[in-house]
PDB file of N, CA and C in Angstrom:
ATOM      1  N   MET A   1      11.737  -7.268  12.193  1.00  0.00           N
ATOM      2  CA  MET A   1      10.454  -7.204  11.510  1.00  0.00           C
ATOM      3  C   MET A   1      10.651  -6.564  10.142  1.00  0.00           C
ATOM      4  N   ASP A   2       9.891  -7.101   9.182  1.00  0.00           N
ATOM      5  CA  ASP A   2      10.007  -6.598   7.821  1.00  0.00           C
ATOM      6  C   ASP A   2       8.652  -6.713   7.131  1.00  0.00           C
ATOM      7  N   ALA A   3       8.245  -5.635   6.449  1.00  0.00           N
ATOM      8  CA  ALA A   3       7.003  -5.657   5.679  1.00  0.00           C
ATOM      9  C   ALA A   3       7.028  -4.542   4.650  1.00  0.00           C
ATOM     10  N   ALA A   4       6.252  -4.739   3.589  1.00  0.00           N
ATOM     11  CA  ALA A   4       6.132  -3.724   2.542  1.00  0.00           C
ATOM     12  C   ALA A   4       4.755  -3.814   1.902  1.00  0.00           C
ATOM     13  N   TYR A   5       4.245  -2.665   1.528  1.00  0.00           N
ATOM     14  CA  TYR A   5       3.041  -2.598   0.704  1.00  0.00           C
ATOM     15  C   TYR A   5       3.516  -2.698  -0.739  1.00  0.00           C
ATOM     16  N   VAL A   6       2.923  -3.606  -1.493  1.00  0.00           N
ATOM     17  CA  VAL A   6       3.357  -3.862  -2.862  1.00  0.00           C
ATOM     18  C   VAL A   6       2.283  -3.340  -3.815  1.00  0.00           C
ATOM     19  N   PHE A   7       2.733  -2.545  -4.785  1.00  0.00           N
ATOM     20  CA  PHE A   7       1.836  -1.948  -5.769  1.00  0.00           C
ATOM     21  C   PHE A   7       2.344  -2.223  -7.177  1.00  0.00           C
ATOM     22  N   ARG A   8       1.410  -2.343  -8.111  1.00  0.00           N
ATOM     23  CA  ARG A   8       1.741  -2.330  -9.539  1.00  0.00           C
ATOM     24  C   ARG A   8       1.470  -0.902  -9.982  1.00  0.00           C
ATOM     25  N   VAL A   9       2.476  -0.272 -10.559  1.00  0.00           N
ATOM     26  CA  VAL A   9       2.371   1.137 -10.931  1.00  0.00           C
ATOM     27  C   VAL A   9       2.684   1.294 -12.409  1.00  0.00           C
ATOM     28  N   ARG A  10       1.802   1.979 -13.102  1.00  0.00           N
ATOM     29  CA  ARG A  10       2.010   2.301 -14.520  1.00  0.00           C
ATOM     30  C   ARG A  10       2.405   3.769 -14.597  1.00  0.00           C
ATOM     31  N   PHE A  11       3.537   4.032 -15.248  1.00  0.00           N
ATOM     32  CA  PHE A  11       4.021   5.412 -15.336  1.00  0.00           C
ATOM     33  C   PHE A  11       4.353   5.757 -16.786  1.00  0.00           C
ATOM     34  N   ARG A  12       4.482   7.036 -17.029  1.00  0.00           N
ATOM     35  CA  ARG A  12       4.699   7.556 -18.377  1.00  0.00           C
ATOM     36  C   ARG A  12       5.972   8.390 -18.428  1.00  0.00           C
ATOM     37  N   LEU A  13       6.710   8.217 -19.496  1.00  0.00           N
ATOM     38  CA  LEU A  13       7.854   9.084 -19.769  1.00  0.00           C
ATOM     39  C   LEU A  13       7.396  10.153 -20.750  1.00  0.00           C
ATOM     40  N   ASP A  14       7.750  11.379 -20.477  1.00  0.00           N
ATOM     41  CA  ASP A  14       7.363  12.485 -21.348  1.00  0.00           C
ATOM     42  C   ASP A  14       8.533  13.460 -21.452  1.00  0.00           C
ATOM     43  N   PRO A  15       9.649  12.997 -22.054  1.00  0.00           N
ATOM     44  CA  PRO A  15      10.826  13.864 -22.138  1.00  0.00           C
ATOM     45  C   PRO A  15      10.580  15.044 -23.082  1.00  0.00           C
ATOM     46  N   ALA A  16      11.221  16.147 -22.789  1.00  0.00           N
ATOM     47  CA  ALA A  16      11.008  17.380 -23.551  1.00  0.00           C
ATOM     48  C   ALA A  16      11.724  17.389 -24.898  1.00  0.00           C
ATOM     49  N   GLU A  17      12.896  16.790 -24.986  1.00  0.00           N
ATOM     50  CA  GLU A  17      13.704  16.980 -26.192  1.00  0.00           C
ATOM     51  C   GLU A  17      13.866  15.749 -27.058  1.00  0.00           C
ATOM     52  N   VAL A  18      13.294  14.620 -26.649  1.00  0.00           N
ATOM     53  CA  VAL A  18      13.395  13.395 -27.440  1.00  0.00           C
ATOM     54  C   VAL A  18      12.050  12.670 -27.431  1.00  0.00           C
ATOM     55  N   ALA A  19      11.894  11.757 -28.382  1.00  0.00           N
ATOM     56  CA  ALA A  19      10.710  10.905 -28.411  1.00  0.00           C
ATOM     57  C   ALA A  19      11.106   9.524 -27.883  1.00  0.00           C
ATOM     58  N   VAL A  20      10.216   8.884 -27.170  1.00  0.00           N
ATOM     59  CA  VAL A  20      10.475   7.553 -26.650  1.00  0.00           C
ATOM     60  C   VAL A  20       9.320   6.621 -27.033  1.00  0.00           C
ATOM     61  N   ALA A  21       9.670   5.376 -27.263  1.00  0.00           N
ATOM     62  CA  ALA A  21       8.649   4.377 -27.561  1.00  0.00           C
ATOM     63  C   ALA A  21       9.110   3.049 -26.975  1.00  0.00           C
ATOM     64  N   PRO A  22       8.389   2.421 -26.145  1.00  0.00           N
ATOM     65  CA  PRO A  22       7.094   2.888 -25.633  1.00  0.00           C
ATOM     66  C   PRO A  22       7.288   4.040 -24.648  1.00  0.00           C
ATOM     67  N   ASP A  23       6.204   4.739 -24.400  1.00  0.00           N
ATOM     68  CA  ASP A  23       6.286   5.854 -23.447  1.00  0.00           C
ATOM     69  C   ASP A  23       5.619   5.526 -22.119  1.00  0.00           C
ATOM     70  N   GLU A  24       5.002   4.339 -22.009  1.00  0.00           N
ATOM     71  CA  GLU A  24       4.418   3.905 -20.741  1.00  0.00           C
ATOM     72  C   GLU A  24       4.993   2.556 -20.337  1.00  0.00           C
ATOM     73  N   PHE A  25       5.171   2.406 -19.028  1.00  0.00           N
ATOM     74  CA  PHE A  25       5.765   1.199 -18.471  1.00  0.00           C
ATOM     75  C   PHE A  25       5.019   0.828 -17.191  1.00  0.00           C
ATOM     76  N   GLU A  26       5.115  -0.446 -16.820  1.00  0.00           N
ATOM     77  CA  GLU A  26       4.564  -0.896 -15.553  1.00  0.00           C
ATOM     78  C   GLU A  26       5.693  -1.488 -14.724  1.00  0.00           C
ATOM     79  N   THR A  27       5.642  -1.207 -13.446  1.00  0.00           N
ATOM     80  CA  THR A  27       6.662  -1.725 -12.540  1.00  0.00           C
ATOM     81  C   THR A  27       6.012  -2.117 -11.224  1.00  0.00           C
ATOM     82  N   VAL A  28       6.758  -2.833 -10.416  1.00  0.00           N
ATOM     83  CA  VAL A  28       6.304  -3.182  -9.071  1.00  0.00           C
ATOM     84  C   VAL A  28       7.037  -2.275  -8.086  1.00  0.00           C
ATOM     85  N   VAL A  29       6.274  -1.650  -7.219  1.00  0.00           N
ATOM     86  CA  VAL A  29       6.831  -0.752  -6.204  1.00  0.00           C
ATOM     87  C   VAL A  29       6.567  -1.365  -4.831  1.00  0.00           C
ATOM     88  N   ARG A  30       7.614  -1.451  -4.033  1.00  0.00           N
ATOM     89  CA  ARG A  30       7.506  -1.949  -2.660  1.00  0.00           C
ATOM     90  C   ARG A  30       7.730  -0.776  -1.708  1.00  0.00           C
ATOM     91  N   LYS A  31       6.653  -0.355  -1.039  1.00  0.00           N
ATOM     92  CA  LYS A  31       6.763   0.737  -0.070  1.00  0.00           C
ATOM     93  C   LYS A  31       6.937   0.117   1.315  1.00  0.00           C
ATOM     94  N   PRO A  32       8.076   0.361   1.965  1.00  0.00           N
ATOM     95  CA  PRO A  32       8.287  -0.209   3.298  1.00  0.00           C
ATOM     96  C   PRO A  32       7.158   0.196   4.251  1.00  0.00           C
ATOM     97  N   ALA A  33       6.685  -0.763   5.020  1.00  0.00           N
ATOM     98  CA  ALA A  33       5.619  -0.519   5.995  1.00  0.00           C
ATOM     99  C   ALA A  33       6.245  -0.076   7.315  1.00  0.00           C
ATOM    100  N   ALA A  34       5.671   0.968   7.892  1.00  0.00           N
ATOM    101  CA  ALA A  34       6.152   1.451   9.190  1.00  0.00           C
ATOM    102  C   ALA A  34       5.875   0.401  10.265  1.00  0.00           C
ATOM    103  N   THR A  35       6.726   0.364  11.251  1.00  0.00           N
ATOM    104  CA  THR A  35       6.535  -0.542  12.391  1.00  0.00           C
ATOM    105  C   THR A  35       5.201  -0.235  13.059  1.00  0.00           C
ATOM    106  N   PRO A  36       4.383  -1.249  13.332  1.00  0.00           N
ATOM    107  CA  PRO A  36       3.099  -1.008  13.992  1.00  0.00           C
ATOM    108  C   PRO A  36       3.260  -0.169  15.263  1.00  0.00           C
ATOM    109  N   GLY A  37       2.451   0.887  15.332  1.00  0.00           N
ATOM    110  CA  GLY A  37       2.510   1.807  16.466  1.00  0.00           C
ATOM    111  C   GLY A  37       3.344   3.036  16.185  1.00  0.00           C
ATOM    112  N   ASP A  38       4.265   2.959  15.224  1.00  0.00           N
ATOM    113  CA  ASP A  38       5.099   4.112  14.861  1.00  0.00           C
ATOM    114  C   ASP A  38       4.356   5.029  13.894  1.00  0.00           C
ATOM    115  N   ASP A  39       4.862   6.233  13.735  1.00  0.00           N
ATOM    116  CA  ASP A  39       4.293   7.177  12.788  1.00  0.00           C
ATOM    117  C   ASP A  39       4.212   6.531  11.403  1.00  0.00           C
ATOM    118  N   GLY A  40       3.049   6.593  10.782  1.00  0.00           N
ATOM    119  CA  GLY A  40       2.872   6.038   9.441  1.00  0.00           C
ATOM    120  C   GLY A  40       2.368   4.610   9.400  1.00  0.00           C
ATOM    121  N   TRP A  41       2.208   3.984  10.553  1.00  0.00           N
ATOM    122  CA  TRP A  41       1.790   2.579  10.555  1.00  0.00           C
ATOM    123  C   TRP A  41       0.370   2.389  10.047  1.00  0.00           C
ATOM    124  N   LEU A  42      -0.438   3.438  10.071  1.00  0.00           N
ATOM    125  CA  LEU A  42      -1.828   3.355   9.611  1.00  0.00           C
ATOM    126  C   LEU A  42      -1.983   3.588   8.110  1.00  0.00           C
ATOM    127  N   PHE A  43      -0.912   3.398   7.350  1.00  0.00           N
ATOM    128  CA  PHE A  43      -0.978   3.575   5.897  1.00  0.00           C
ATOM    129  C   PHE A  43      -2.153   2.800   5.304  1.00  0.00           C
ATOM    130  N   PHE A  44      -2.336   1.560   5.711  1.00  0.00           N
ATOM    131  CA  PHE A  44      -3.429   0.738   5.180  1.00  0.00           C
ATOM    132  C   PHE A  44      -4.784   1.357   5.482  1.00  0.00           C
ATOM    133  N   PHE A  45      -4.937   1.929   6.668  1.00  0.00           N
ATOM    134  CA  PHE A  45      -6.190   2.522   7.121  1.00  0.00           C
ATOM    135  C   PHE A  45      -6.551   3.753   6.294  1.00  0.00           C
ATOM    136  N   HIS A  46      -5.553   4.526   5.916  1.00  0.00           N
ATOM    137  CA  HIS A  46      -5.779   5.767   5.187  1.00  0.00           C
ATOM    138  C   HIS A  46      -5.844   5.590   3.680  1.00  0.00           C
ATOM    139  N   ASN A  47      -5.321   4.488   3.156  1.00  0.00           N
ATOM    140  CA  ASN A  47      -5.164   4.392   1.699  1.00  0.00           C
ATOM    141  C   ASN A  47      -5.777   3.168   1.029  1.00  0.00           C
ATOM    142  N   LEU A  48      -6.248   2.200   1.806  1.00  0.00           N
ATOM    143  CA  LEU A  48      -6.761   0.967   1.211  1.00  0.00           C
ATOM    144  C   LEU A  48      -8.174   0.673   1.704  1.00  0.00           C
ATOM    145  N   TRP A  49      -8.919  -0.066   0.875  1.00  0.00           N
ATOM    146  CA  TRP A  49     -10.236  -0.529   1.266  1.00  0.00           C
ATOM    147  C   TRP A  49     -10.519  -1.830   0.537  1.00  0.00           C
ATOM    148  N   ARG A  50     -10.725  -2.898   1.302  1.00  0.00           N
ATOM    149  CA  ARG A  50     -11.013  -4.223   0.752  1.00  0.00           C
ATOM    150  C   ARG A  50      -9.942  -4.701  -0.234  1.00  0.00           C
ATOM    151  N   GLY A  51      -8.691  -4.364   0.062  1.00  0.00           N
ATOM    152  CA  GLY A  51      -7.584  -4.821  -0.767  1.00  0.00           C
ATOM    153  C   GLY A  51      -7.379  -4.027  -2.039  1.00  0.00           C
ATOM    154  N   GLU A  52      -7.955  -2.848  -2.119  1.00  0.00           N
ATOM    155  CA  GLU A  52      -7.804  -1.959  -3.278  1.00  0.00           C
ATOM    156  C   GLU A  52      -7.428  -0.568  -2.776  1.00  0.00           C
ATOM    157  N   VAL A  53      -6.836   0.259  -3.655  1.00  0.00           N
ATOM    158  CA  VAL A  53      -6.623   1.651  -3.263  1.00  0.00           C
ATOM    159  C   VAL A  53      -7.996   2.295  -3.109  1.00  0.00           C
ATOM    160  N   ASN A  54      -8.161   3.130  -2.104  1.00  0.00           N
ATOM    161  CA  ASN A  54      -9.485   3.706  -1.849  1.00  0.00           C
ATOM    162  C   ASN A  54      -9.716   5.027  -2.575  1.00  0.00           C
ATOM    163  N   ASP A  55      -8.666   5.609  -3.150  1.00  0.00           N
ATOM    164  CA  ASP A  55      -8.797   6.858  -3.899  1.00  0.00           C
ATOM    165  C   ASP A  55      -7.732   6.845  -4.995  1.00  0.00           C
ATOM    166  N   ASP A  56      -8.156   6.609  -6.223  1.00  0.00           N
ATOM    167  CA  ASP A  56      -7.196   6.477  -7.327  1.00  0.00           C
ATOM    168  C   ASP A  56      -6.321   7.721  -7.504  1.00  0.00           C
ATOM    169  N   GLY A  57      -6.916   8.889  -7.435  1.00  0.00           N
ATOM    170  CA  GLY A  57      -6.146  10.117  -7.613  1.00  0.00           C
ATOM    171  C   GLY A  57      -5.085  10.286  -6.540  1.00  0.00           C
ATOM    172  N   HIS A  58      -5.465  10.018  -5.317  1.00  0.00           N
ATOM    173  CA  HIS A  58      -4.518  10.124  -4.204  1.00  0.00           C
ATOM    174  C   HIS A  58      -3.403   9.088  -4.344  1.00  0.00           C
ATOM    175  N   ALA A  59      -3.767   7.866  -4.720  1.00  0.00           N
ATOM    176  CA  ALA A  59      -2.763   6.805  -4.897  1.00  0.00           C
ATOM    177  C   ALA A  59      -1.786   7.159  -6.019  1.00  0.00           C
ATOM    178  N   ARG A  60      -2.289   7.723  -7.103  1.00  0.00           N
ATOM    179  CA  ARG A  60      -1.388   8.156  -8.189  1.00  0.00           C
ATOM    180  C   ARG A  60      -0.458   9.260  -7.699  1.00  0.00           C
ATOM    181  N   SER A  61      -0.989  10.173  -6.910  1.00  0.00           N
ATOM    182  CA  SER A  61      -0.168  11.256  -6.364  1.00  0.00           C
ATOM    183  C   SER A  61       0.930  10.707  -5.445  1.00  0.00           C
ATOM    184  N   LEU A  62       0.580   9.752  -4.586  1.00  0.00           N
ATOM    185  CA  LEU A  62       1.592   9.133  -3.729  1.00  0.00           C
ATOM    186  C   LEU A  62       2.687   8.474  -4.577  1.00  0.00           C
ATOM    187  N   ALA A  63       2.266   7.703  -5.571  1.00  0.00           N
ATOM    188  CA  ALA A  63       3.230   6.998  -6.418  1.00  0.00           C
ATOM    189  C   ALA A  63       4.098   7.968  -7.212  1.00  0.00           C
ATOM    190  N   GLU A  64       3.539   9.068  -7.655  1.00  0.00           N
ATOM    191  CA  GLU A  64       4.341  10.083  -8.343  1.00  0.00           C
ATOM    192  C   GLU A  64       5.411  10.628  -7.422  1.00  0.00           C
ATOM    193  N   GLY A  65       5.089  10.795  -6.161  1.00  0.00           N
ATOM    194  CA  GLY A  65       6.082  11.236  -5.180  1.00  0.00           C
ATOM    195  C   GLY A  65       7.171  10.198  -4.966  1.00  0.00           C
ATOM    196  N   TRP A  66       6.799   8.921  -4.957  1.00  0.00           N
ATOM    197  CA  TRP A  66       7.784   7.859  -4.773  1.00  0.00           C
ATOM    198  C   TRP A  66       8.719   7.741  -5.966  1.00  0.00           C
ATOM    199  N   LEU A  67       8.164   7.918  -7.175  1.00  0.00           N
ATOM    200  CA  LEU A  67       8.935   7.669  -8.403  1.00  0.00           C
ATOM    201  C   LEU A  67       9.460   8.921  -9.095  1.00  0.00           C
ATOM    202  N   SER A  68       8.918  10.080  -8.760  1.00  0.00           N
ATOM    203  CA  SER A  68       9.258  11.333  -9.445  1.00  0.00           C
ATOM    204  C   SER A  68       8.982  11.232 -10.949  1.00  0.00           C
ATOM    205  N   LEU A  69       7.866  10.574 -11.282  1.00  0.00           N
ATOM    206  CA  LEU A  69       7.422  10.403 -12.667  1.00  0.00           C
ATOM    207  C   LEU A  69       5.903  10.536 -12.719  1.00  0.00           C
ATOM    208  N   PRO A  70       5.353  10.935 -13.878  1.00  0.00           N
ATOM    209  CA  PRO A  70       3.896  10.952 -14.005  1.00  0.00           C
ATOM    210  C   PRO A  70       3.342   9.519 -13.960  1.00  0.00           C
ATOM    211  N   VAL A  71       2.392   9.282 -13.085  1.00  0.00           N
ATOM    212  CA  VAL A  71       1.812   7.949 -12.901  1.00  0.00           C
ATOM    213  C   VAL A  71       0.403   7.945 -13.481  1.00  0.00           C
ATOM    214  N   THR A  72       0.106   6.912 -14.269  1.00  0.00           N
ATOM    215  CA  THR A  72      -1.216   6.807 -14.890  1.00  0.00           C
ATOM    216  C   THR A  72      -2.137   5.833 -14.163  1.00  0.00           C
ATOM    217  N   ALA A  73      -1.572   4.881 -13.413  1.00  0.00           N
ATOM    218  CA  ALA A  73      -2.412   3.911 -12.697  1.00  0.00           C
ATOM    219  C   ALA A  73      -1.638   3.285 -11.540  1.00  0.00           C
ATOM    220  N   VAL A  74      -2.371   2.975 -10.470  1.00  0.00           N
ATOM    221  CA  VAL A  74      -1.794   2.301  -9.306  1.00  0.00           C
ATOM    222  C   VAL A  74      -2.773   1.219  -8.869  1.00  0.00           C
ATOM    223  N   GLN A  75      -2.242   0.032  -8.657  1.00  0.00           N
ATOM    224  CA  GLN A  75      -3.055  -1.074  -8.174  1.00  0.00           C
ATOM    225  C   GLN A  75      -2.341  -1.705  -6.986  1.00  0.00           C
ATOM    226  N   PHE A  76      -3.059  -1.826  -5.873  1.00  0.00           N
ATOM    227  CA  PHE A  76      -2.487  -2.481  -4.698  1.00  0.00           C
ATOM    228  C   PHE A  76      -2.439  -3.975  -4.951  1.00  0.00           C
ATOM    229  N   SER A  77      -1.301  -4.604  -4.636  1.00  0.00           N
ATOM    230  CA  SER A  77      -1.158  -6.044  -4.809  1.00  0.00           C
ATOM    231  C   SER A  77      -1.258  -6.793  -3.488  1.00  0.00           C
ATOM    232  N   GLU A  78      -0.453  -6.365  -2.497  1.00  0.00           N
ATOM    233  CA  GLU A  78      -0.457  -7.104  -1.232  1.00  0.00           C
ATOM    234  C   GLU A  78       0.348  -6.374  -0.172  1.00  0.00           C
ATOM    235  N   LEU A  79       0.079  -6.762   1.063  1.00  0.00           N
ATOM    236  CA  LEU A  79       0.982  -6.467   2.167  1.00  0.00           C
ATOM    237  C   LEU A  79       1.841  -7.706   2.307  1.00  0.00           C
ATOM    238  N   ASP A  80       3.121  -7.562   2.092  1.00  0.00           N
ATOM    239  CA  ASP A  80       4.085  -8.664   2.200  1.00  0.00           C
ATOM    240  C   ASP A  80       4.817  -8.487   3.526  1.00  0.00           C
ATOM    241  N   ALA A  81       4.594  -9.420   4.466  1.00  0.00           N
ATOM    242  CA  ALA A  81       5.131  -9.240   5.819  1.00  0.00           C
ATOM    243  C   ALA A  81       5.719 -10.535   6.355  1.00  0.00           C
ATOM    244  N   ASP A  82       6.739 -10.379   7.190  1.00  0.00           N
ATOM    245  CA  ASP A  82       7.231 -11.561   7.902  1.00  0.00           C
ATOM    246  C   ASP A  82       6.306 -11.807   9.100  1.00  0.00           C
ATOM    247  N   GLU A  83       6.469 -12.966   9.721  1.00  0.00           N
ATOM    248  CA  GLU A  83       5.585 -13.358  10.815  1.00  0.00           C
ATOM    249  C   GLU A  83       5.633 -12.380  11.984  1.00  0.00           C
ATOM    250  N   ALA A  84       6.817 -11.877  12.298  1.00  0.00           N
ATOM    251  CA  ALA A  84       6.951 -10.948  13.426  1.00  0.00           C
ATOM    252  C   ALA A  84       6.192  -9.647  13.164  1.00  0.00           C
ATOM    253  N   TYR A  85       6.305  -9.117  11.944  1.00  0.00           N
ATOM    254  CA  TYR A  85       5.582  -7.885  11.608  1.00  0.00           C
ATOM    255  C   TYR A  85       4.080  -8.127  11.691  1.00  0.00           C
ATOM    256  N   PHE A  86       3.620  -9.222  11.102  1.00  0.00           N
ATOM    257  CA  PHE A  86       2.184  -9.508  11.073  1.00  0.00           C
ATOM    258  C   PHE A  86       1.627  -9.660  12.487  1.00  0.00           C
ATOM    259  N   ALA A  87       2.368 -10.313  13.358  1.00  0.00           N
ATOM    260  CA  ALA A  87       1.936 -10.459  14.755  1.00  0.00           C
ATOM    261  C   ALA A  87       1.866  -9.098  15.438  1.00  0.00           C
ATOM    262  N   ALA A  88       2.861  -8.254  15.214  1.00  0.00           N
ATOM    263  CA  ALA A  88       2.869  -6.914  15.820  1.00  0.00           C
ATOM    264  C   ALA A  88       1.724  -6.065  15.268  1.00  0.00           C
ATOM    265  N   LEU A  89       1.441  -6.193  13.980  1.00  0.00           N
ATOM    266  CA  LEU A  89       0.333  -5.453  13.372  1.00  0.00           C
ATOM    267  C   LEU A  89      -0.995  -5.871  14.005  1.00  0.00           C
ATOM    268  N   LYS A  90      -1.206  -7.162  14.145  1.00  0.00           N
ATOM    269  CA  LYS A  90      -2.446  -7.640  14.759  1.00  0.00           C
ATOM    270  C   LYS A  90      -2.561  -7.179  16.208  1.00  0.00           C
ATOM    271  N   ASP A  91      -1.461  -7.184  16.954  1.00  0.00           N
ATOM    272  CA  ASP A  91      -1.486  -6.715  18.348  1.00  0.00           C
ATOM    273  C   ASP A  91      -1.848  -5.235  18.421  1.00  0.00           C
ATOM    274  N   GLU A  92      -1.260  -4.439  17.555  1.00  0.00           N
ATOM    275  CA  GLU A  92      -1.523  -2.994  17.554  1.00  0.00           C
ATOM    276  C   GLU A  92      -2.977  -2.704  17.187  1.00  0.00           C
ATOM    277  N   ILE A  93      -3.494  -3.423  16.203  1.00  0.00           N
ATOM    278  CA  ILE A  93      -4.902  -3.268  15.825  1.00  0.00           C
ATOM    279  C   ILE A  93      -5.807  -3.659  16.993  1.00  0.00           C
ATOM    280  N   ALA A  94      -5.499  -4.767  17.647  1.00  0.00           N
ATOM    281  CA  ALA A  94      -6.316  -5.264  18.765  1.00  0.00           C
ATOM    282  C   ALA A  94      -6.385  -4.253  19.903  1.00  0.00           C
ATOM    283  N   ASP A  95      -5.341  -3.481  20.086  1.00  0.00           N
ATOM    284  CA  ASP A  95      -5.299  -2.487  21.158  1.00  0.00           C
ATOM    285  C   ASP A  95      -6.235  -1.313  20.923  1.00  0.00           C
ATOM    286  N   ASP A  96      -6.753  -1.151  19.680  1.00  0.00           N
ATOM    287  CA  ASP A  96      -7.579   0.017  19.377  1.00  0.00           C
ATOM    288  C   ASP A  96      -8.669  -0.322  18.350  1.00  0.00           C
ATOM    289  N   LEU A  97      -9.446  -1.346  18.606  1.00  0.00           N
ATOM    290  CA  LEU A  97     -10.496  -1.757  17.668  1.00  0.00           C
ATOM    291  C   LEU A  97     -11.526  -0.661  17.410  1.00  0.00           C
ATOM    292  N   ASP A  98     -11.768   0.196  18.408  1.00  0.00           N
ATOM    293  CA  ASP A  98     -12.737   1.276  18.218  1.00  0.00           C
ATOM    294  C   ASP A  98     -12.346   2.201  17.061  1.00  0.00           C
ATOM    295  N   ARG A  99     -11.061   2.444  16.894  1.00  0.00           N
ATOM    296  CA  ARG A  99     -10.580   3.300  15.808  1.00  0.00           C
ATOM    297  C   ARG A  99     -11.067   2.774  14.450  1.00  0.00           C
ATOM    298  N   PHE A 100     -11.125   1.458  14.339  1.00  0.00           N
ATOM    299  CA  PHE A 100     -11.453   0.808  13.076  1.00  0.00           C
ATOM    300  C   PHE A 100     -12.927   0.433  12.969  1.00  0.00           C
ATOM    301  N   ASN A 101     -13.701   0.763  14.014  1.00  0.00           N
ATOM    302  CA  ASN A 101     -15.121   0.430  14.037  1.00  0.00           C
ATOM    303  C   ASN A 101     -15.322  -1.053  13.717  1.00  0.00           C
ATOM    304  N   ALA A 102     -14.614  -1.891  14.462  1.00  0.00           N
ATOM    305  CA  ALA A 102     -14.640  -3.329  14.214  1.00  0.00           C
ATOM    306  C   ALA A 102     -14.714  -4.098  15.525  1.00  0.00           C
ATOM    307  N   ASP A 103     -15.177  -5.337  15.424  1.00  0.00           N
ATOM    308  CA  ASP A 103     -15.289  -6.197  16.599  1.00  0.00           C
ATOM    309  C   ASP A 103     -14.044  -7.020  16.867  1.00  0.00           C
ATOM    310  N   ASP A 104     -13.259  -7.282  15.816  1.00  0.00           N
ATOM    311  CA  ASP A 104     -12.049  -8.079  16.005  1.00  0.00           C
ATOM    312  C   ASP A 104     -11.010  -7.748  14.935  1.00  0.00           C
ATOM    313  N   VAL A 105      -9.819  -8.255  15.126  1.00  0.00           N
ATOM    314  CA  VAL A 105      -8.689  -7.958  14.233  1.00  0.00           C
ATOM    315  C   VAL A 105      -8.948  -8.472  12.829  1.00  0.00           C
ATOM    316  N   SER A 106      -9.520  -9.650  12.708  1.00  0.00           N
ATOM    317  CA  SER A 106      -9.799 -10.217  11.378  1.00  0.00           C
ATOM    318  C   SER A 106     -10.707  -9.308  10.567  1.00  0.00           C
ATOM    319  N   GLU A 107     -11.676  -8.701  11.219  1.00  0.00           N
ATOM    320  CA  GLU A 107     -12.574  -7.779  10.527  1.00  0.00           C
ATOM    321  C   GLU A 107     -11.810  -6.567  10.002  1.00  0.00           C
ATOM    322  N   VAL A 108     -10.898  -6.053  10.792  1.00  0.00           N
ATOM    323  CA  VAL A 108     -10.090  -4.900  10.368  1.00  0.00           C
ATOM    324  C   VAL A 108      -9.229  -5.279   9.168  1.00  0.00           C
ATOM    325  N   LEU A 109      -8.538  -6.393   9.270  1.00  0.00           N
ATOM    326  CA  LEU A 109      -7.673  -6.816   8.165  1.00  0.00           C
ATOM    327  C   LEU A 109      -8.475  -7.005   6.889  1.00  0.00           C
ATOM    328  N   ASN A 110      -9.661  -7.594   7.011  1.00  0.00           N
ATOM    329  CA  ASN A 110     -10.501  -7.795   5.836  1.00  0.00           C
ATOM    330  C   ASN A 110     -11.011  -6.475   5.272  1.00  0.00           C
ATOM    331  N   LYS A 111     -11.414  -5.549   6.150  1.00  0.00           N
ATOM    332  CA  LYS A 111     -11.925  -4.249   5.695  1.00  0.00           C
ATOM    333  C   LYS A 111     -10.907  -3.496   4.838  1.00  0.00           C
ATOM    334  N   TYR A 112      -9.673  -3.506   5.261  1.00  0.00           N
ATOM    335  CA  TYR A 112      -8.680  -2.662   4.598  1.00  0.00           C
ATOM    336  C   TYR A 112      -7.786  -3.413   3.629  1.00  0.00           C
ATOM    337  N   LEU A 113      -7.399  -4.626   3.972  1.00  0.00           N
ATOM    338  CA  LEU A 113      -6.452  -5.361   3.135  1.00  0.00           C
ATOM    339  C   LEU A 113      -7.103  -6.498   2.339  1.00  0.00           C
ATOM    340  N   GLY A 114      -8.353  -6.794   2.614  1.00  0.00           N
ATOM    341  CA  GLY A 114      -9.018  -7.897   1.921  1.00  0.00           C
ATOM    342  C   GLY A 114      -8.239  -9.170   2.143  1.00  0.00           C
ATOM    343  N   SER A 115      -8.036  -9.917   1.087  1.00  0.00           N
ATOM    344  CA  SER A 115      -7.248 -11.141   1.177  1.00  0.00           C
ATOM    345  C   SER A 115      -5.825 -10.914   0.662  1.00  0.00           C
ATOM    346  N   SER A 116      -5.422  -9.650   0.545  1.00  0.00           N
ATOM    347  CA  SER A 116      -4.129  -9.284  -0.044  1.00  0.00           C
ATOM    348  C   SER A 116      -3.027  -9.172   0.994  1.00  0.00           C
ATOM    349  N   ILE A 117      -2.858 -10.250   1.766  1.00  0.00           N
ATOM    350  CA  ILE A 117      -1.800 -10.301   2.787  1.00  0.00           C
ATOM    351  C   ILE A 117      -0.974 -11.558   2.537  1.00  0.00           C
ATOM    352  N   ARG A 118       0.313 -11.377   2.455  1.00  0.00           N
ATOM    353  CA  ARG A 118       1.225 -12.536   2.331  1.00  0.00           C
ATOM    354  C   ARG A 118       2.170 -12.524   3.516  1.00  0.00           C
ATOM    355  N   VAL A 119       2.111 -13.577   4.305  1.00  0.00           N
ATOM    356  CA  VAL A 119       2.998 -13.710   5.466  1.00  0.00           C
ATOM    357  C   VAL A 119       4.030 -14.777   5.140  1.00  0.00           C
ATOM    358  N   ARG A 120       5.295 -14.426   5.336  1.00  0.00           N
ATOM    359  CA  ARG A 120       6.374 -15.371   5.009  1.00  0.00           C
ATOM    360  C   ARG A 120       7.147 -15.744   6.249  1.00  0.00           C
TER     361      ARG A 120
END
């Protein structure tokens, strides 16, 4: 199984002893997704809403931790998953629909990931 949360991240360089131009850059960050059911698998539940980051400040803080650079913006792009991961994710969600206050798996996926899911 393989999956990653994909983000577009804008970061800034602010070196102490030299000047740089440009001083801001954008990159794509792929954060590996935890196996459904394992610690950290609820990343989408805690950090996304309708296919967007649910708290810009928190998302910038997470990205700063990933990159060890000052981050000015974070935009969620997609959950990129293989078929096995996506099937396991749906099974895990189905086992605990009450947690998500939803009637079915599709509702959960839409609530948190919107249409930002790519299955390969």
